[in-house]
PDB file of N, CA and C in Angstrom:
ATOM      1  N   UNK A   1       0.845  -1.165   0.000  1.00  0.00           N
ATOM      2  CA  UNK A   1       0.000   0.000   0.000  1.00  0.00           C
ATOM      3  C   UNK A   1       0.895   1.235   0.000  1.00  0.00           C
ATOM      4  N   UNK A   2       1.137   1.839  -1.135  1.00  0.00           N
ATOM      5  CA  UNK A   2       1.918   3.073  -1.219  1.00  0.00           C
ATOM      6  C   UNK A   2       0.983   4.261  -1.074  1.00  0.00           C
ATOM      7  N   UNK A   3       1.467   5.289  -0.426  1.00  0.00           N
ATOM      8  CA  UNK A   3       0.680   6.510  -0.261  1.00  0.00           C
ATOM      9  C   UNK A   3       1.359   7.600  -1.061  1.00  0.00           C
ATOM     10  N   UNK A   4       0.622   8.232  -1.921  1.00  0.00           N
ATOM     11  CA  UNK A   4       1.133   9.332  -2.717  1.00  0.00           C
ATOM     12  C   UNK A   4       0.420  10.582  -2.218  1.00  0.00           C
ATOM     13  N   UNK A   5       1.182  11.611  -1.820  1.00  0.00           N
ATOM     14  CA  UNK A   5       0.538  12.760  -1.182  1.00  0.00           C
ATOM     15  C   UNK A   5       1.151  14.067  -1.644  1.00  0.00           C
ATOM     16  N   UNK A   6       0.368  15.125  -1.527  1.00  0.00           N
ATOM     17  CA  UNK A   6       0.829  16.488  -1.768  1.00  0.00           C
ATOM     18  C   UNK A   6       0.364  17.342  -0.598  1.00  0.00           C
ATOM     19  N   UNK A   7       1.258  18.150  -0.073  1.00  0.00           N
ATOM     20  CA  UNK A   7       0.882  19.094   0.976  1.00  0.00           C
ATOM     21  C   UNK A   7       0.861  20.467   0.331  1.00  0.00           C
ATOM     22  N   UNK A   8      -0.253  21.102   0.415  1.00  0.00           N
ATOM     23  CA  UNK A   8      -0.408  22.405  -0.209  1.00  0.00           C
ATOM     24  C   UNK A   8      -0.316  23.500   0.843  1.00  0.00           C
ATOM     25  N   UNK A   9      -0.175  24.739   0.383  1.00  0.00           N
ATOM     26  CA  UNK A   9      -0.007  25.854   1.292  1.00  0.00           C
ATOM     27  C   UNK A   9      -1.202  26.007   2.237  1.00  0.00           C
ATOM     28  N   UNK A  10      -2.350  25.551   1.851  1.00  0.00           N
ATOM     29  CA  UNK A  10      -3.552  25.655   2.684  1.00  0.00           C
ATOM     30  C   UNK A  10      -3.567  24.583   3.772  1.00  0.00           C
ATOM     31  N   UNK A  11      -2.449  23.877   3.976  1.00  0.00           N
ATOM     32  CA  UNK A  11      -2.306  22.832   5.000  1.00  0.00           C
ATOM     33  C   UNK A  11      -3.273  21.673   4.809  1.00  0.00           C
ATOM     34  N   UNK A  12      -3.625  21.382   3.576  1.00  0.00           N
ATOM     35  CA  UNK A  12      -4.456  20.224   3.280  1.00  0.00           C
ATOM     36  C   UNK A  12      -3.571  19.118   2.731  1.00  0.00           C
ATOM     37  N   UNK A  13      -3.825  17.908   3.134  1.00  0.00           N
ATOM     38  CA  UNK A  13      -3.061  16.762   2.664  1.00  0.00           C
ATOM     39  C   UNK A  13      -3.976  15.896   1.814  1.00  0.00           C
ATOM     40  N   UNK A  14      -3.547  15.619   0.582  1.00  0.00           N
ATOM     41  CA  UNK A  14      -4.298  14.738  -0.296  1.00  0.00           C
ATOM     42  C   UNK A  14      -3.409  13.568  -0.646  1.00  0.00           C
ATOM     43  N   UNK A  15      -3.961  12.380  -0.707  1.00  0.00           N
ATOM     44  CA  UNK A  15      -3.128  11.238  -1.013  1.00  0.00           C
ATOM     45  C   UNK A  15      -3.887  10.072  -1.590  1.00  0.00           C
ATOM     46  N   UNK A  16      -3.115   9.088  -2.109  1.00  0.00           N
ATOM     47  CA  UNK A  16      -3.658   7.843  -2.631  1.00  0.00           C
ATOM     48  C   UNK A  16      -2.892   6.699  -1.996  1.00  0.00           C
ATOM     49  N   UNK A  17      -3.567   5.630  -1.701  1.00  0.00           N
ATOM     50  CA  UNK A  17      -2.934   4.471  -1.101  1.00  0.00           C
ATOM     51  C   UNK A  17      -2.908   3.343  -2.120  1.00  0.00           C
ATOM     52  N   UNK A  18      -1.724   2.755  -2.303  1.00  0.00           N
ATOM     53  CA  UNK A  18      -1.566   1.646  -3.242  1.00  0.00           C
ATOM     54  C   UNK A  18      -1.480   0.321  -2.507  1.00  0.00           C
ATOM     55  N   UNK A  19      -0.977  -0.701  -3.173  1.00  0.00           N
ATOM     56  CA  UNK A  19      -0.985  -2.057  -2.625  1.00  0.00           C
ATOM     57  C   UNK A  19       0.315  -2.455  -1.912  1.00  0.00           C
ATOM     58  N   UNK A  20       1.358  -1.647  -1.918  1.00  0.00           N
ATOM     59  CA  UNK A  20       2.652  -2.048  -1.374  1.00  0.00           C
ATOM     60  C   UNK A  20       2.796  -1.867   0.137  1.00  0.00           C
ATOM     61  N   UNK A  21       1.959  -1.075   0.803  1.00  0.00           N
ATOM     62  CA  UNK A  21       2.030  -0.910   2.245  1.00  0.00           C
ATOM     63  C   UNK A  21       3.181  -0.046   2.724  1.00  0.00           C
ATOM     64  N   UNK A  22       3.640   0.910   1.923  1.00  0.00           N
ATOM     65  CA  UNK A  22       4.751   1.759   2.320  1.00  0.00           C
ATOM     66  C   UNK A  22       4.510   3.195   1.867  1.00  0.00           C
ATOM     67  N   UNK A  23       5.175   4.112   2.549  1.00  0.00           N
ATOM     68  CA  UNK A  23       5.110   5.523   2.190  1.00  0.00           C
ATOM     69  C   UNK A  23       6.449   5.898   1.563  1.00  0.00           C
ATOM     70  N   UNK A  24       6.408   6.488   0.392  1.00  0.00           N
ATOM     71  CA  UNK A  24       7.628   6.868  -0.321  1.00  0.00           C
ATOM     72  C   UNK A  24       7.553   8.353  -0.649  1.00  0.00           C
ATOM     73  N   UNK A  25       8.523   9.122  -0.151  1.00  0.00           N
ATOM     74  CA  UNK A  25       8.598  10.537  -0.500  1.00  0.00           C
ATOM     75  C   UNK A  25       9.406  10.659  -1.770  1.00  0.00           C
ATOM     76  N   UNK A  26       8.845  11.288  -2.777  1.00  0.00           N
ATOM     77  CA  UNK A  26       9.540  11.399  -4.044  1.00  0.00           C
ATOM     78  C   UNK A  26      10.149  12.783  -4.254  1.00  0.00           C
ATOM     79  N   UNK A  27       9.472  13.820  -3.839  1.00  0.00           N
ATOM     80  CA  UNK A  27       9.939  15.177  -4.082  1.00  0.00           C
ATOM     81  C   UNK A  27       9.690  16.036  -2.865  1.00  0.00           C
ATOM     82  N   UNK A  28      10.693  16.797  -2.473  1.00  0.00           N
ATOM     83  CA  UNK A  28      10.535  17.766  -1.400  1.00  0.00           C
ATOM     84  C   UNK A  28      11.010  19.101  -1.953  1.00  0.00           C
ATOM     85  N   UNK A  29      10.163  20.103  -1.892  1.00  0.00           N
ATOM     86  CA  UNK A  29      10.522  21.416  -2.411  1.00  0.00           C
ATOM     87  C   UNK A  29      10.494  22.408  -1.260  1.00  0.00           C
ATOM     88  N   UNK A  30      11.605  23.098  -1.065  1.00  0.00           N
ATOM     89  CA  UNK A  30      11.696  24.104  -0.012  1.00  0.00           C
ATOM     90  C   UNK A  30      12.031  25.428  -0.677  1.00  0.00           C
ATOM     91  N   UNK A  31      11.234  26.418  -0.405  1.00  0.00           N
ATOM     92  CA  UNK A  31      11.539  27.741  -0.932  1.00  0.00           C
ATOM     93  C   UNK A  31      12.491  28.421   0.041  1.00  0.00           C
ATOM     94  N   UNK A  32      13.659  28.805  -0.442  1.00  0.00           N
ATOM     95  CA  UNK A  32      14.716  29.315   0.416  1.00  0.00           C
ATOM     96  C   UNK A  32      14.596  30.806   0.712  1.00  0.00           C
ATOM     97  N   UNK A  33      13.531  31.447   0.305  1.00  0.00           N
ATOM     98  CA  UNK A  33      13.408  32.877   0.486  1.00  0.00           C
ATOM     99  C   UNK A  33      13.571  33.346   1.916  1.00  0.00           C
ATOM    100  N   UNK A  34      12.988  32.647   2.882  1.00  0.00           N
ATOM    101  CA  UNK A  34      13.045  33.089   4.260  1.00  0.00           C
ATOM    102  C   UNK A  34      13.881  32.204   5.167  1.00  0.00           C
ATOM    103  N   UNK A  35      14.697  31.324   4.606  1.00  0.00           N
ATOM    104  CA  UNK A  35      15.487  30.408   5.418  1.00  0.00           C
ATOM    105  C   UNK A  35      16.876  30.971   5.687  1.00  0.00           C
ATOM    106  N   UNK A  36      17.414  30.623   6.839  1.00  0.00           N
ATOM    107  CA  UNK A  36      18.794  30.989   7.155  1.00  0.00           C
ATOM    108  C   UNK A  36      19.481  29.786   7.789  1.00  0.00           C
ATOM    109  N   UNK A  37      20.783  29.868   7.970  1.00  0.00           N
ATOM    110  CA  UNK A  37      21.561  28.777   8.543  1.00  0.00           C
ATOM    111  C   UNK A  37      21.049  28.412   9.940  1.00  0.00           C
ATOM    112  N   UNK A  38      20.633  29.384  10.718  1.00  0.00           N
ATOM    113  CA  UNK A  38      20.138  29.145  12.062  1.00  0.00           C
ATOM    114  C   UNK A  38      18.812  28.407  12.122  1.00  0.00           C
ATOM    115  N   UNK A  39      18.134  28.255  10.993  1.00  0.00           N
ATOM    116  CA  UNK A  39      16.880  27.504  10.956  1.00  0.00           C
ATOM    117  C   UNK A  39      17.099  26.000  11.028  1.00  0.00           C
ATOM    118  N   UNK A  40      18.330  25.542  10.797  1.00  0.00           N
ATOM    119  CA  UNK A  40      18.627  24.115  10.883  1.00  0.00           C
ATOM    120  C   UNK A  40      18.642  23.679  12.343  1.00  0.00           C
ATOM    121  N   UNK A  41      18.153  22.475  12.622  1.00  0.00           N
ATOM    122  CA  UNK A  41      17.998  22.034  14.006  1.00  0.00           C
ATOM    123  C   UNK A  41      19.316  21.798  14.728  1.00  0.00           C
ATOM    124  N   UNK A  42      20.399  21.530  14.000  1.00  0.00           N
ATOM    125  CA  UNK A  42      21.678  21.252  14.658  1.00  0.00           C
ATOM    126  C   UNK A  42      22.665  22.413  14.546  1.00  0.00           C
ATOM    127  N   UNK A  43      22.158  23.630  14.323  1.00  0.00           N
ATOM    128  CA  UNK A  43      23.007  24.817  14.236  1.00  0.00           C
ATOM    129  C   UNK A  43      22.556  25.819  15.286  1.00  0.00           C
ATOM    130  N   UNK A  44      23.489  26.193  16.150  1.00  0.00           N
ATOM    131  CA  UNK A  44      23.218  27.175  17.193  1.00  0.00           C
ATOM    132  C   UNK A  44      23.940  28.466  16.818  1.00  0.00           C
ATOM    133  N   UNK A  45      23.185  29.485  16.455  1.00  0.00           N
ATOM    134  CA  UNK A  45      23.791  30.739  16.009  1.00  0.00           C
ATOM    135  C   UNK A  45      23.818  31.797  17.112  1.00  0.00           C
ATOM    136  N   UNK A  46      23.622  31.401  18.346  1.00  0.00           N
ATOM    137  CA  UNK A  46      23.695  32.333  19.463  1.00  0.00           C
ATOM    138  C   UNK A  46      25.085  32.960  19.510  1.00  0.00           C
ATOM    139  N   UNK A  47      25.148  34.264  19.618  1.00  0.00           N
ATOM    140  CA  UNK A  47      26.426  34.959  19.678  1.00  0.00           C
ATOM    141  C   UNK A  47      26.998  35.311  18.318  1.00  0.00           C
ATOM    142  N   UNK A  48      26.188  35.200  17.266  1.00  0.00           N
ATOM    143  CA  UNK A  48      26.663  35.519  15.928  1.00  0.00           C
ATOM    144  C   UNK A  48      26.983  37.003  15.813  1.00  0.00           C
ATOM    145  N   UNK A  49      28.186  37.293  15.348  1.00  0.00           N
ATOM    146  CA  UNK A  49      28.609  38.664  15.087  1.00  0.00           C
ATOM    147  C   UNK A  49      29.743  38.617  14.083  1.00  0.00           C
ATOM    148  N   UNK A  50      30.184  39.754  13.643  1.00  0.00           N
ATOM    149  CA  UNK A  50      31.244  39.834  12.648  1.00  0.00           C
ATOM    150  C   UNK A  50      32.522  39.161  13.161  1.00  0.00           C
ATOM    151  N   UNK A  51      33.092  38.270  12.363  1.00  0.00           N
ATOM    152  CA  UNK A  51      34.361  37.639  12.701  1.00  0.00           C
ATOM    153  C   UNK A  51      34.269  36.295  13.389  1.00  0.00           C
ATOM    154  N   UNK A  52      33.075  35.763  13.632  1.00  0.00           N
ATOM    155  CA  UNK A  52      32.986  34.462  14.300  1.00  0.00           C
ATOM    156  C   UNK A  52      33.152  33.330  13.294  1.00  0.00           C
ATOM    157  N   UNK A  53      33.492  32.144  13.798  1.00  0.00           N
ATOM    158  CA  UNK A  53      33.649  30.936  12.994  1.00  0.00           C
ATOM    159  C   UNK A  53      32.633  29.910  13.478  1.00  0.00           C
ATOM    160  N   UNK A  54      32.386  28.919  12.658  1.00  0.00           N
ATOM    161  CA  UNK A  54      31.472  27.853  13.054  1.00  0.00           C
ATOM    162  C   UNK A  54      32.271  26.576  13.249  1.00  0.00           C
ATOM    163  N   UNK A  55      32.006  25.862  14.350  1.00  0.00           N
ATOM    164  CA  UNK A  55      32.692  24.615  14.653  1.00  0.00           C
ATOM    165  C   UNK A  55      31.669  23.619  15.204  1.00  0.00           C
ATOM    166  N   UNK A  56      31.881  22.341  14.920  1.00  0.00           N
ATOM    167  CA  UNK A  56      30.983  21.295  15.411  1.00  0.00           C
ATOM    168  C   UNK A  56      31.372  20.912  16.830  1.00  0.00           C
ATOM    169  N   UNK A  57      30.398  20.873  17.709  1.00  0.00           N
ATOM    170  CA  UNK A  57      30.591  20.464  19.104  1.00  0.00           C
ATOM    171  C   UNK A  57      29.997  19.067  19.264  1.00  0.00           C
ATOM    172  N   UNK A  58      30.850  18.056  19.341  1.00  0.00           N
ATOM    173  CA  UNK A  58      30.396  16.670  19.443  1.00  0.00           C
ATOM    174  C   UNK A  58      29.644  16.368  20.728  1.00  0.00           C
ATOM    175  N   UNK A  59      29.905  17.122  21.796  1.00  0.00           N
ATOM    176  CA  UNK A  59      29.209  16.905  23.058  1.00  0.00           C
ATOM    177  C   UNK A  59      27.733  17.273  22.950  1.00  0.00           C
ATOM    178  N   UNK A  60      27.457  18.424  22.340  1.00  0.00           N
ATOM    179  CA  UNK A  60      26.065  18.876  22.214  1.00  0.00           C
ATOM    180  C   UNK A  60      25.425  18.409  20.913  1.00  0.00           C
ATOM    181  N   UNK A  61      26.249  17.972  19.951  1.00  0.00           N
ATOM    182  CA  UNK A  61      25.716  17.542  18.664  1.00  0.00           C
ATOM    183  C   UNK A  61      25.258  18.709  17.807  1.00  0.00           C
ATOM    184  N   UNK A  62      25.856  19.887  18.017  1.00  0.00           N
ATOM    185  CA  UNK A  62      25.465  21.087  17.286  1.00  0.00           C
ATOM    186  C   UNK A  62      26.675  21.758  16.658  1.00  0.00           C
ATOM    187  N   UNK A  63      26.422  22.514  15.612  1.00  0.00           N
ATOM    188  CA  UNK A  63      27.402  23.454  15.087  1.00  0.00           C
ATOM    189  C   UNK A  63      27.196  24.747  15.861  1.00  0.00           C
ATOM    190  N   UNK A  64      28.268  25.333  16.350  1.00  0.00           N
ATOM    191  CA  UNK A  64      28.181  26.548  17.149  1.00  0.00           C
ATOM    192  C   UNK A  64      29.111  27.604  16.573  1.00  0.00           C
ATOM    193  N   UNK A  65      28.772  28.878  16.830  1.00  0.00           N
ATOM    194  CA  UNK A  65      29.659  29.959  16.411  1.00  0.00           C
ATOM    195  C   UNK A  65      30.552  30.351  17.579  1.00  0.00           C
ATOM    196  N   UNK A  66      31.792  30.721  17.258  1.00  0.00           N
ATOM    197  CA  UNK A  66      32.748  31.075  18.297  1.00  0.00           C
ATOM    198  C   UNK A  66      33.810  32.011  17.739  1.00  0.00           C
ATOM    199  N   UNK A  67      34.416  32.790  18.609  1.00  0.00           N
ATOM    200  CA  UNK A  67      35.543  33.634  18.215  1.00  0.00           C
ATOM    201  C   UNK A  67      36.862  32.922  18.480  1.00  0.00           C
ATOM    202  N   UNK A  68      36.856  31.973  19.413  1.00  0.00           N
ATOM    203  CA  UNK A  68      38.070  31.239  19.765  1.00  0.00           C
ATOM    204  C   UNK A  68      37.812  29.747  19.626  1.00  0.00           C
ATOM    205  N   UNK A  69      38.762  29.055  19.053  1.00  0.00           N
ATOM    206  CA  UNK A  69      38.639  27.606  18.931  1.00  0.00           C
ATOM    207  C   UNK A  69      39.582  26.974  19.937  1.00  0.00           C
ATOM    208  N   UNK A  70      39.004  26.303  20.902  1.00  0.00           N
ATOM    209  CA  UNK A  70      39.780  25.593  21.912  1.00  0.00           C
ATOM    210  C   UNK A  70      39.355  24.136  21.862  1.00  0.00           C
ATOM    211  N   UNK A  71      40.000  23.378  20.978  1.00  0.00           N
ATOM    212  CA  UNK A  71      39.614  21.992  20.771  1.00  0.00           C
ATOM    213  C   UNK A  71      40.867  21.186  20.472  1.00  0.00           C
ATOM    214  N   UNK A  72      41.188  20.240  21.324  1.00  0.00           N
ATOM    215  CA  UNK A  72      42.398  19.434  21.162  1.00  0.00           C
ATOM    216  C   UNK A  72      42.346  18.521  19.947  1.00  0.00           C
ATOM    217  N   UNK A  73      41.160  18.291  19.387  1.00  0.00           N
ATOM    218  CA  UNK A  73      41.017  17.417  18.229  1.00  0.00           C
ATOM    219  C   UNK A  73      41.180  18.153  16.902  1.00  0.00           C
ATOM    220  N   UNK A  74      41.371  19.466  16.946  1.00  0.00           N
ATOM    221  CA  UNK A  74      41.439  20.273  15.730  1.00  0.00           C
ATOM    222  C   UNK A  74      42.873  20.478  15.267  1.00  0.00           C
ATOM    223  N   UNK A  75      43.101  20.234  13.989  1.00  0.00           N
ATOM    224  CA  UNK A  75      44.375  20.537  13.353  1.00  0.00           C
ATOM    225  C   UNK A  75      44.078  21.410  12.145  1.00  0.00           C
ATOM    226  N   UNK A  76      44.717  22.563  12.075  1.00  0.00           N
ATOM    227  CA  UNK A  76      44.539  23.455  10.937  1.00  0.00           C
ATOM    228  C   UNK A  76      45.826  23.412  10.126  1.00  0.00           C
ATOM    229  N   UNK A  77      45.688  23.006   8.871  1.00  0.00           N
ATOM    230  CA  UNK A  77      46.844  22.953   7.992  1.00  0.00           C
ATOM    231  C   UNK A  77      46.701  24.069   6.969  1.00  0.00           C
ATOM    232  N   UNK A  78      47.680  24.951   6.928  1.00  0.00           N
ATOM    233  CA  UNK A  78      47.633  26.074   6.007  1.00  0.00           C
ATOM    234  C   UNK A  78      48.237  25.755   4.641  1.00  0.00           C
ATOM    235  N   UNK A  79      48.652  24.542   4.434  1.00  0.00           N
ATOM    236  CA  UNK A  79      49.229  24.159   3.144  1.00  0.00           C
ATOM    237  C   UNK A  79      50.726  24.382   3.111  1.00  0.00           C
ATOM    238  N   UNK A  80      51.286  24.298   1.933  1.00  0.00           N
ATOM    239  CA  UNK A  80      52.729  24.475   1.749  1.00  0.00           C
ATOM    240  C   UNK A  80      52.971  25.772   0.979  1.00  0.00           C
ATOM    241  N   UNK A  81      53.958  26.516   1.433  1.00  0.00           N
ATOM    242  CA  UNK A  81      54.261  27.803   0.796  1.00  0.00           C
ATOM    243  C   UNK A  81      55.696  27.835   0.361  1.00  0.00           C
TER     244      UNK A  81
END
């Protein structure tokens, strides 16, 4: 039983159920007009200001902004000159 559905702006859901018994999402369309990086669930933009960097915090499971990177697991390689 497959379900084929469309969600419209009016918050109505229309669908069809087939014989396979599963739900398959085929297309997801997101209009990016009003989205920002902070809208993602694993991004914490608290403290955002000019000059900050983003780093992943494995303890909290989030990307966070910071002015200072204090992480023993980080290696920055500037390449060869």
